[in-house]
Amino acid sequence: MKPILPRRLSGGQHTKKPSAQAAQADALLRLLVAFILIVIFFSILLARFFYLQVTQHNEFSGQASSNRITLIPTPPVRGEIVDINGVPLAKNYPVFSLEVIPSRIEGKMEDVIEALKKYVDITPTDLKRFKKYRESYRKFENIPLKLRLTDEEAARLSVHLREFKGVEVNSRTFREYPYGKLTSHFLGYIGRISDKDKEMLEEEGLTALYRGSTHIGKSGLEKYYEHQLHGIPGYQEVERRLRQYRPRIEKCSVQDGANLAPGHGHPHAAGSRPHFRRPPWRIGGH
């Protein structure tokens, strides 16, 4: 059998292969384009890096610190009201308050409160007020769970306080009117800050002055001289690390409210029989 020999294609059917020089030139062109793109890309990255690290360093470092460091308010002690002889007509007295810092609580809040009921009488009213406070307070602030502890409750809880992380017993001041109904018509009274009060403070730009406070003047001298009596809160810097808030230094000292006394444009005290129906005469915490 004769071997089959390949047939030559005619001139019109012959395939042309690109030359080696053309292929090399094409490869070099592609490499050059890729190199230029890489240079442009890294130039953009370097320019952005320079902008962030050098040009905007102060601004971004300040923003980072503000995200890491938070200010916790320290409420001021309300000023007292005295008569022309210096006798207190509206004064403060200290009480123990059960307070919770949500960011430090381990486990569920409901379980912690249920465990605290073994040592403290926590009423539905306390829980309702606590729930409302949680809506306006930040999670790293002290939120009052029970505003007034008896001496027995404070002593009983202090023994087991180490078992409750994020739970504190602190001292707060409450308002007392020694002459009760006799001076109620001009002294007025203080009450818990309502939603209406919050709107008023926001409109006047005074919200920051009432961070941490729970009461405000509602009528009489307590309301008329509210700004002088209330004082200015202090602030403590708190640093957040690994979802924990740790106190650092005192940012600014608290300025307690000024005492209201006769003279300097303040009215003298005067007794009268008309009175408000505002029992009891020990009210208000700060």
Protein backbone atom coordinates (compact mmCIF):
# COMPACT_ATOMS: atom_id res chain seq x y z
CA MET A 1 0.00 0.00 0.00
CA LYS A 2 1.38 3.38 -0.98
CA PRO A 3 1.66 6.03 1.80
CA ILE A 4 -0.70 8.88 1.48
CA LEU A 5 1.25 12.06 0.98
CA PRO A 6 -0.12 15.38 2.29
CA ARG A 7 -1.48 17.54 -0.44
CA ARG A 8 -0.23 21.04 -0.76
CA LEU A 9 -2.78 23.76 -0.46
CA SER A 10 -3.08 26.19 -3.23
CA GLY A 11 -1.82 29.73 -2.71
CA GLY A 12 -5.29 31.10 -1.74
CA GLN A 13 -5.76 28.55 1.03
CA HIS A 14 -2.31 28.97 2.67
CA THR A 15 -2.54 30.31 6.41
CA LYS A 16 -0.36 33.23 7.42
CA LYS A 17 1.24 33.16 10.90
CA PRO A 18 2.13 36.45 12.71
CA SER A 19 5.75 37.15 12.87
CA ALA A 20 7.70 36.86 16.12
CA GLN A 21 8.44 40.57 16.12
CA ALA A 22 4.76 41.51 15.92
CA ALA A 23 3.90 39.17 18.81
CA GLN A 24 6.68 40.59 20.94
CA ALA A 25 5.58 44.15 20.24
CA ASP A 26 2.00 43.30 21.20
CA ALA A 27 3.15 41.74 24.50
CA LEU A 28 5.31 44.73 25.31
CA LEU A 29 2.40 47.10 24.62
CA ARG A 30 0.14 45.15 26.98
CA LEU A 31 2.79 45.15 29.69
CA LEU A 32 3.25 48.89 29.29
CA VAL A 33 -0.49 49.55 29.59
CA ALA A 34 -0.71 47.32 32.67
CA PHE A 35 2.30 49.06 34.24
CA ILE A 36 0.77 52.50 33.65
CA LEU A 37 -2.53 51.40 35.21
CA ILE A 38 -0.71 50.01 38.26
CA VAL A 39 1.24 53.23 38.68
CA ILE A 40 -1.96 55.30 38.45
CA PHE A 41 -3.74 53.03 40.94
CA PHE A 42 -0.93 53.20 43.52
CA SER A 43 -0.61 56.94 43.00
CA ILE A 44 -4.28 57.31 43.93
CA LEU A 45 -3.77 55.14 47.02
CA LEU A 46 -0.71 57.14 48.10
CA ALA A 47 -2.56 60.42 47.59
CA ARG A 48 -5.49 59.16 49.65
CA PHE A 49 -3.16 57.89 52.36
CA PHE A 50 -1.41 61.26 52.51
CA TYR A 51 -4.77 63.05 52.72
CA LEU A 52 -6.04 60.90 55.60
CA GLN A 53 -2.83 60.57 57.60
CA VAL A 54 -1.32 64.02 57.14
CA THR A 55 -3.81 66.58 55.89
CA GLN A 56 -6.85 65.38 57.92
CA HIS A 57 -4.96 63.81 60.83
CA ASN A 58 -6.23 66.20 63.53
CA GLU A 59 -9.84 66.01 62.41
CA PHE A 60 -10.05 62.22 62.20
CA SER A 61 -8.10 61.64 65.40
CA GLY A 62 -10.58 63.92 67.18
CA GLN A 63 -13.51 61.96 65.75
CA ALA A 64 -11.90 58.70 66.84
CA SER A 65 -11.46 60.01 70.38
CA SER A 66 -15.08 61.19 70.50
CA ASN A 67 -16.23 57.69 69.52
CA ARG A 68 -13.99 56.10 72.13
CA ILE A 69 -14.45 58.61 74.97
CA THR A 70 -17.86 59.57 76.33
CA LEU A 71 -18.89 62.09 78.98
CA ILE A 72 -21.05 60.98 81.91
CA PRO A 73 -22.87 63.83 83.70
CA THR A 74 -22.69 64.40 87.45
CA PRO A 75 -25.94 66.17 88.48
CA PRO A 76 -25.63 69.23 90.76
CA VAL A 77 -27.23 69.62 94.19
CA ARG A 78 -30.17 72.01 94.08
CA GLY A 79 -29.76 75.28 95.96
CA GLU A 80 -31.79 75.91 99.12
CA ILE A 81 -34.33 78.66 99.76
CA VAL A 82 -34.06 80.54 103.07
CA ASP A 83 -35.95 83.41 104.68
CA ILE A 84 -34.59 86.82 105.73
CA ASN A 85 -33.13 85.30 108.90
CA GLY A 86 -31.44 82.44 107.07
CA VAL A 87 -34.01 79.85 108.18
CA PRO A 88 -34.37 77.13 105.49
CA LEU A 89 -37.76 77.11 103.77
CA ALA A 90 -36.78 74.58 101.11
CA LYS A 91 -33.80 72.36 101.81
CA ASN A 92 -32.26 69.09 100.73
CA TYR A 93 -31.74 65.83 102.55
CA PRO A 94 -29.71 62.84 101.34
CA VAL A 95 -31.13 59.41 100.59
CA PHE A 96 -29.78 56.21 99.08
CA SER A 97 -30.73 55.43 95.49
CA LEU A 98 -30.51 52.09 93.67
CA GLU A 99 -29.02 52.70 90.23
CA VAL A 100 -28.16 50.52 87.25
CA ILE A 101 -25.55 50.98 84.51
CA PRO A 102 -26.90 48.90 81.57
CA SER A 103 -23.55 48.68 79.75
CA ARG A 104 -22.01 46.85 82.72
CA ILE A 105 -24.86 44.44 83.35
CA GLU A 106 -24.05 40.78 82.81
CA GLY A 107 -26.96 38.75 81.52
CA LYS A 108 -30.54 39.92 81.05
CA MET A 109 -31.77 43.05 82.80
CA GLU A 110 -34.98 41.29 83.84
CA ASP A 111 -33.02 38.56 85.63
CA VAL A 112 -30.90 41.11 87.48
CA ILE A 113 -33.96 43.06 88.65
CA GLU A 114 -35.65 39.86 89.77
CA ALA A 115 -32.57 38.95 91.82
CA LEU A 116 -32.47 42.44 93.38
CA LYS A 117 -36.05 42.02 94.61
CA LYS A 118 -34.72 39.60 97.23
CA TYR A 119 -33.11 42.53 99.03
CA VAL A 120 -35.08 45.61 97.87
CA ASP A 121 -38.80 46.24 97.51
CA ILE A 122 -39.04 47.16 93.82
CA THR A 123 -42.62 48.18 93.02
CA PRO A 124 -44.39 48.26 89.62
CA THR A 125 -44.16 52.07 89.82
CA ASP A 126 -40.38 51.80 90.16
CA LEU A 127 -40.23 49.51 87.13
CA LYS A 128 -42.43 51.81 85.06
CA ARG A 129 -40.28 54.82 85.91
CA PHE A 130 -37.09 52.84 85.24
CA LYS A 131 -38.38 51.82 81.80
CA LYS A 132 -39.11 55.45 80.97
CA TYR A 133 -35.68 56.55 82.18
CA ARG A 134 -34.01 53.94 79.95
CA GLU A 135 -35.55 55.58 76.90
CA SER A 136 -33.85 58.93 77.62
CA TYR A 137 -30.65 57.83 79.40
CA ARG A 138 -27.62 56.41 77.63
CA LYS A 139 -26.58 52.84 78.41
CA PHE A 140 -23.38 53.87 80.21
CA GLU A 141 -25.17 56.32 82.54
CA ASN A 142 -26.50 55.60 86.02
CA ILE A 143 -30.23 54.97 85.67
CA PRO A 144 -32.29 55.10 88.90
CA LEU A 145 -34.15 51.86 89.52
CA LYS A 146 -35.45 52.86 92.96
CA LEU A 147 -35.02 56.47 94.01
CA ARG A 148 -35.40 56.03 97.75
CA LEU A 149 -33.99 53.10 99.67
CA THR A 150 -34.66 52.68 103.34
CA ASP A 151 -31.64 52.36 105.62
CA GLU A 152 -32.47 48.67 106.06
CA GLU A 153 -32.64 48.07 102.29
CA ALA A 154 -29.37 49.90 101.69
CA ALA A 155 -27.61 47.93 104.43
CA ARG A 156 -29.08 44.60 103.26
CA LEU A 157 -28.11 45.19 99.63
CA SER A 158 -24.62 46.49 100.37
CA VAL A 159 -23.66 43.06 101.73
CA HIS A 160 -24.52 41.41 98.38
CA LEU A 161 -23.61 44.28 96.04
CA ARG A 162 -20.55 42.47 94.72
CA GLU A 163 -22.83 39.87 93.21
CA PHE A 164 -24.42 42.46 90.91
CA LYS A 165 -22.07 43.92 88.35
CA GLY A 166 -23.35 47.25 87.02
CA VAL A 167 -25.54 47.88 90.09
CA GLU A 168 -24.69 50.72 92.48
CA VAL A 169 -26.12 52.33 95.61
CA ASN A 170 -25.49 56.08 95.44
CA SER A 171 -26.53 59.10 97.46
CA ARG A 172 -29.03 61.54 95.98
CA THR A 173 -30.68 64.61 97.49
CA PHE A 174 -34.41 65.09 97.91
CA ARG A 175 -36.36 68.26 98.54
CA GLU A 176 -37.95 69.03 101.90
CA TYR A 177 -40.26 71.89 102.85
CA PRO A 178 -40.13 72.24 106.66
CA TYR A 179 -43.15 74.57 106.86
CA GLY A 180 -45.27 72.55 104.45
CA LYS A 181 -48.58 74.17 103.55
CA LEU A 182 -47.70 77.44 105.24
CA THR A 183 -45.20 78.38 102.52
CA SER A 184 -46.51 76.36 99.59
CA HIS A 185 -48.23 79.30 97.89
CA PHE A 186 -44.99 81.12 97.07
CA LEU A 187 -42.32 78.40 97.26
CA GLY A 188 -44.12 76.13 94.82
CA TYR A 189 -42.60 72.69 94.35
CA ILE A 190 -40.38 70.57 92.14
CA GLY A 191 -41.47 67.49 90.23
CA ARG A 192 -40.11 64.86 87.86
CA ILE A 193 -39.09 66.10 84.44
CA SER A 194 -42.00 65.40 82.09
CA ASP A 195 -42.08 65.11 78.31
CA LYS A 196 -43.39 68.67 78.18
CA ASP A 197 -40.47 69.85 80.30
CA LYS A 198 -38.05 68.06 77.97
CA GLU A 199 -39.55 69.83 74.96
CA MET A 200 -39.23 73.18 76.74
CA LEU A 201 -35.58 72.50 77.68
CA GLU A 202 -34.81 71.45 74.12
CA GLU A 203 -36.35 74.63 72.71
CA GLU A 204 -34.28 76.75 75.11
CA GLY A 205 -31.11 74.77 74.43
CA LEU A 206 -30.79 73.66 78.07
CA THR A 207 -30.99 69.88 77.62
CA ALA A 208 -27.30 69.39 78.47
CA LEU A 209 -27.76 71.12 81.85
CA TYR A 210 -30.31 68.50 82.92
CA ARG A 211 -28.41 65.34 81.95
CA GLY A 212 -28.57 63.10 85.00
CA SER A 213 -31.22 65.21 86.75
CA THR A 214 -34.70 63.84 87.41
CA HIS A 215 -36.58 66.88 88.79
CA ILE A 216 -37.30 70.49 87.84
CA GLY A 217 -39.15 73.44 89.38
CA LYS A 218 -42.86 73.29 88.60
CA SER A 219 -44.30 76.44 90.23
CA GLY A 220 -43.59 79.35 92.59
CA LEU A 221 -40.04 80.35 93.42
CA GLU A 222 -38.85 76.86 92.56
CA LYS A 223 -39.84 77.49 88.95
CA TYR A 224 -39.11 81.23 88.72
CA TYR A 225 -35.51 80.81 89.94
CA GLU A 226 -35.03 77.38 88.37
CA HIS A 227 -31.82 78.25 86.51
CA GLN A 228 -30.14 79.67 89.63
CA LEU A 229 -31.32 76.88 91.93
CA HIS A 230 -30.54 74.01 89.60
CA GLY A 231 -26.81 74.53 89.08
CA ILE A 232 -24.49 73.20 86.37
CA PRO A 233 -23.66 69.48 86.05
CA GLY A 234 -20.12 68.18 85.97
CA TYR A 235 -18.84 65.57 83.54
CA GLN A 236 -16.62 62.55 83.88
CA GLU A 237 -14.71 61.10 80.96
CA VAL A 238 -15.37 57.42 80.29
CA GLU A 239 -13.29 55.34 77.90
CA ARG A 240 -14.78 52.40 76.04
CA ARG A 241 -12.59 49.31 75.71
CA LEU A 242 -13.82 45.94 74.55
CA ARG A 243 -17.47 46.88 75.13
CA GLN A 244 -16.65 48.02 78.66
CA TYR A 245 -16.81 51.59 79.96
CA ARG A 246 -14.04 52.63 82.33
CA PRO A 247 -13.88 56.00 84.13
CA ARG A 248 -10.80 58.10 83.38
CA ILE A 249 -10.63 61.64 84.74
CA GLU A 250 -13.06 64.36 85.81
CA LYS A 251 -13.63 66.56 82.78
CA CYS A 252 -15.19 69.46 84.68
CA SER A 253 -16.36 69.94 88.24
CA VAL A 254 -20.02 70.13 89.14
CA GLN A 255 -21.41 73.53 90.21
CA ASP A 256 -24.20 73.15 92.74
CA GLY A 257 -27.19 75.43 92.60
CA ALA A 258 -27.09 78.81 94.34
CA ASN A 259 -29.00 79.33 97.58
CA LEU A 260 -31.93 81.72 97.24
CA ALA A 261 -31.93 84.35 100.02
CA PRO A 262 -33.62 87.72 100.67
CA GLY A 263 -32.00 90.77 99.10
CA HIS A 264 -30.36 91.08 95.71
CA GLY A 265 -33.79 91.29 94.12
CA HIS A 266 -35.12 88.14 95.80
CA PRO A 267 -38.49 88.45 97.55
CA HIS A 268 -38.82 88.06 101.29
CA ALA A 269 -40.66 85.04 102.63
CA ALA A 270 -44.19 85.48 103.91
CA GLY A 271 -46.56 82.97 105.48
CA SER A 272 -50.09 82.39 104.23
CA ARG A 273 -52.86 79.90 104.73
CA PRO A 274 -53.60 79.02 101.06
CA HIS A 275 -51.62 76.02 99.92
CA PHE A 276 -51.14 73.51 97.12
CA ARG A 277 -52.31 69.96 97.41
CA ARG A 278 -48.84 68.56 96.97
CA PRO A 279 -48.18 65.85 99.59
CA PRO A 280 -45.74 64.72 100.76
CA TRP A 281 -43.56 67.72 101.56
CA ARG A 282 -40.40 65.71 101.05
CA ILE A 283 -40.10 65.40 97.30
CA GLY A 284 -37.67 65.45 94.48
CA GLY A 285 -34.33 63.86 93.80
CA HIS A 286 -31.31 65.14 91.87
